[in-house]
């Protein structure tokens, strides 16, 4: 059933097998969800993801700050984070600070301080952990 709502434009942060085998395959089955951006550290993986899932844009990054900068775009509404666990809290907080909805691989946070920090930053965003 088609919706009158504008599509949700997603940034996929990380080129993991979970992102490829589960999230993007599921997203392809849903109306109103567009993989707008793929962000990662491997140019060849980015090109593979972009071609296989018709992702509009890609950003090759070299560090944490590059991930945060990629998220801060008015071309995306939500982010899916599939990075090493130690990077989750920083990228989640950067995304909600940029006003994006977040779906993150588990565990989203490694400490209660990380959770409390994210809770303080969030305004109206949906923040969910993927199981």
Protein backbone atom coordinates (compact mmCIF):
# COMPACT_ATOMS: atom_id res chain seq x y z
CA UNK A 1 0.00 0.00 0.00
CA UNK A 2 1.49 3.34 -1.05
CA UNK A 3 1.88 6.05 1.52
CA UNK A 4 1.41 9.78 1.17
CA UNK A 5 4.43 10.32 3.43
CA UNK A 6 7.75 11.28 1.86
CA UNK A 7 10.26 8.42 1.66
CA UNK A 8 12.77 7.87 4.44
CA UNK A 9 16.25 8.45 3.02
CA UNK A 10 18.82 6.23 4.76
CA UNK A 11 22.56 6.48 5.26
CA UNK A 12 24.13 3.07 5.73
CA UNK A 13 27.18 3.54 7.95
CA UNK A 14 29.50 0.58 7.50
CA UNK A 15 29.77 -2.19 4.93
CA UNK A 16 29.19 -5.22 7.14
CA UNK A 17 27.66 -8.50 6.04
CA UNK A 18 24.65 -7.75 8.30
CA UNK A 19 24.05 -4.49 6.46
CA UNK A 20 24.27 -6.30 3.15
CA UNK A 21 22.47 -9.56 3.89
CA UNK A 22 19.75 -8.31 6.19
CA UNK A 23 19.14 -4.56 6.33
CA UNK A 24 19.54 -3.57 2.69
CA UNK A 25 17.75 -6.69 1.43
CA UNK A 26 14.84 -5.93 3.78
CA UNK A 27 14.86 -2.26 2.83
CA UNK A 28 14.54 -3.22 -0.83
CA UNK A 29 11.25 -4.95 0.03
CA UNK A 30 9.75 -1.90 1.74
CA UNK A 31 7.98 1.01 0.12
CA UNK A 32 9.15 4.41 1.24
CA UNK A 33 12.71 3.50 2.28
CA UNK A 34 15.56 4.67 0.07
CA UNK A 35 19.23 3.82 0.61
CA UNK A 36 20.60 7.26 -0.19
CA UNK A 37 24.17 7.00 1.08
CA UNK A 38 26.71 4.27 1.90
CA UNK A 39 29.68 5.23 4.10
CA UNK A 40 32.75 3.11 4.71
CA UNK A 41 36.52 2.67 4.63
CA UNK A 42 36.87 0.40 1.58
CA UNK A 43 36.37 1.87 -1.88
CA UNK A 44 35.75 -1.55 -3.42
CA UNK A 45 33.10 -2.49 -0.83
CA UNK A 46 31.40 0.88 -1.27
CA UNK A 47 31.26 0.35 -5.04
CA UNK A 48 29.85 -3.18 -4.58
CA UNK A 49 27.14 -1.98 -2.17
CA UNK A 50 26.29 0.98 -4.36
CA UNK A 51 25.88 -1.19 -7.45
CA UNK A 52 24.00 -4.08 -5.81
CA UNK A 53 21.49 -1.91 -3.93
CA UNK A 54 21.26 1.13 -6.23
CA UNK A 55 22.54 3.42 -3.48
CA UNK A 56 22.70 6.96 -4.78
CA UNK A 57 25.89 8.22 -3.11
CA UNK A 58 28.98 6.95 -1.33
CA UNK A 59 31.53 8.50 1.01
CA UNK A 60 34.94 6.97 1.65
CA UNK A 61 36.08 7.77 5.19
CA UNK A 62 39.32 7.46 7.10
CA UNK A 63 38.28 8.18 10.71
CA UNK A 64 35.53 8.87 13.24
CA UNK A 65 35.13 12.54 12.33
CA UNK A 66 34.50 11.59 8.70
CA UNK A 67 31.57 9.40 9.76
CA UNK A 68 30.02 12.25 11.74
CA UNK A 69 30.46 14.68 8.83
CA UNK A 70 28.81 12.18 6.44
CA UNK A 71 25.77 11.91 8.70
CA UNK A 72 25.26 15.67 8.87
CA UNK A 73 23.51 15.99 5.52
CA UNK A 74 20.08 17.29 4.65
CA UNK A 75 19.88 14.50 2.05
CA UNK A 76 19.29 11.80 4.71
CA UNK A 77 16.63 11.29 7.36
CA UNK A 78 17.86 8.19 9.18
CA UNK A 79 21.04 6.18 9.67
CA UNK A 80 21.73 2.50 10.06
CA UNK A 81 24.97 1.96 12.00
CA UNK A 82 26.90 -1.25 11.39
CA UNK A 83 30.37 -0.47 12.73
CA UNK A 84 32.54 -2.03 15.44
CA UNK A 85 30.86 -1.85 18.87
CA UNK A 86 33.45 0.59 20.21
CA UNK A 87 32.32 3.17 17.63
CA UNK A 88 28.56 2.91 18.20
CA UNK A 89 28.07 5.50 20.95
CA UNK A 90 30.03 8.24 19.21
CA UNK A 91 28.30 7.74 15.86
CA UNK A 92 24.84 7.33 17.44
CA UNK A 93 25.28 10.59 19.38
CA UNK A 94 26.57 12.33 16.25
CA UNK A 95 23.55 11.14 14.29
CA UNK A 96 20.97 12.18 16.87
CA UNK A 97 22.79 15.46 17.32
CA UNK A 98 22.30 15.98 13.57
CA UNK A 99 18.57 15.27 13.98
CA UNK A 100 18.58 11.81 12.40
CA UNK A 101 16.63 8.73 13.41
CA UNK A 102 18.95 5.82 14.28
CA UNK A 103 18.93 2.06 13.87
CA UNK A 104 22.11 0.58 15.32
CA UNK A 105 23.57 -2.89 15.61
CA UNK A 106 23.72 -4.27 19.13
CA UNK A 107 25.04 -3.30 21.51
CA UNK A 108 24.17 0.31 20.87
CA UNK A 109 26.02 1.45 23.98
CA UNK A 110 28.77 -0.12 26.05
CA UNK A 111 28.16 1.97 29.18
CA UNK A 112 25.24 3.61 30.95
CA UNK A 113 27.05 6.95 30.58
CA UNK A 114 26.92 6.54 26.79
CA UNK A 115 23.19 5.78 27.00
CA UNK A 116 22.51 8.78 29.26
CA UNK A 117 24.48 11.06 26.94
CA UNK A 118 22.41 9.93 23.94
CA UNK A 119 19.18 10.33 25.89
CA UNK A 120 20.17 13.92 26.73
CA UNK A 121 20.91 14.75 23.08
CA UNK A 122 17.81 13.15 21.54
CA UNK A 123 14.85 15.38 20.87
CA UNK A 124 12.21 13.64 18.81
CA UNK A 125 14.24 10.98 17.03
CA UNK A 126 13.52 7.29 17.00
CA UNK A 127 16.54 5.40 18.34
CA UNK A 128 16.44 1.60 18.08
CA UNK A 129 18.82 -1.29 18.50
CA UNK A 130 18.77 -3.97 15.82
CA UNK A 131 18.63 -7.58 17.05
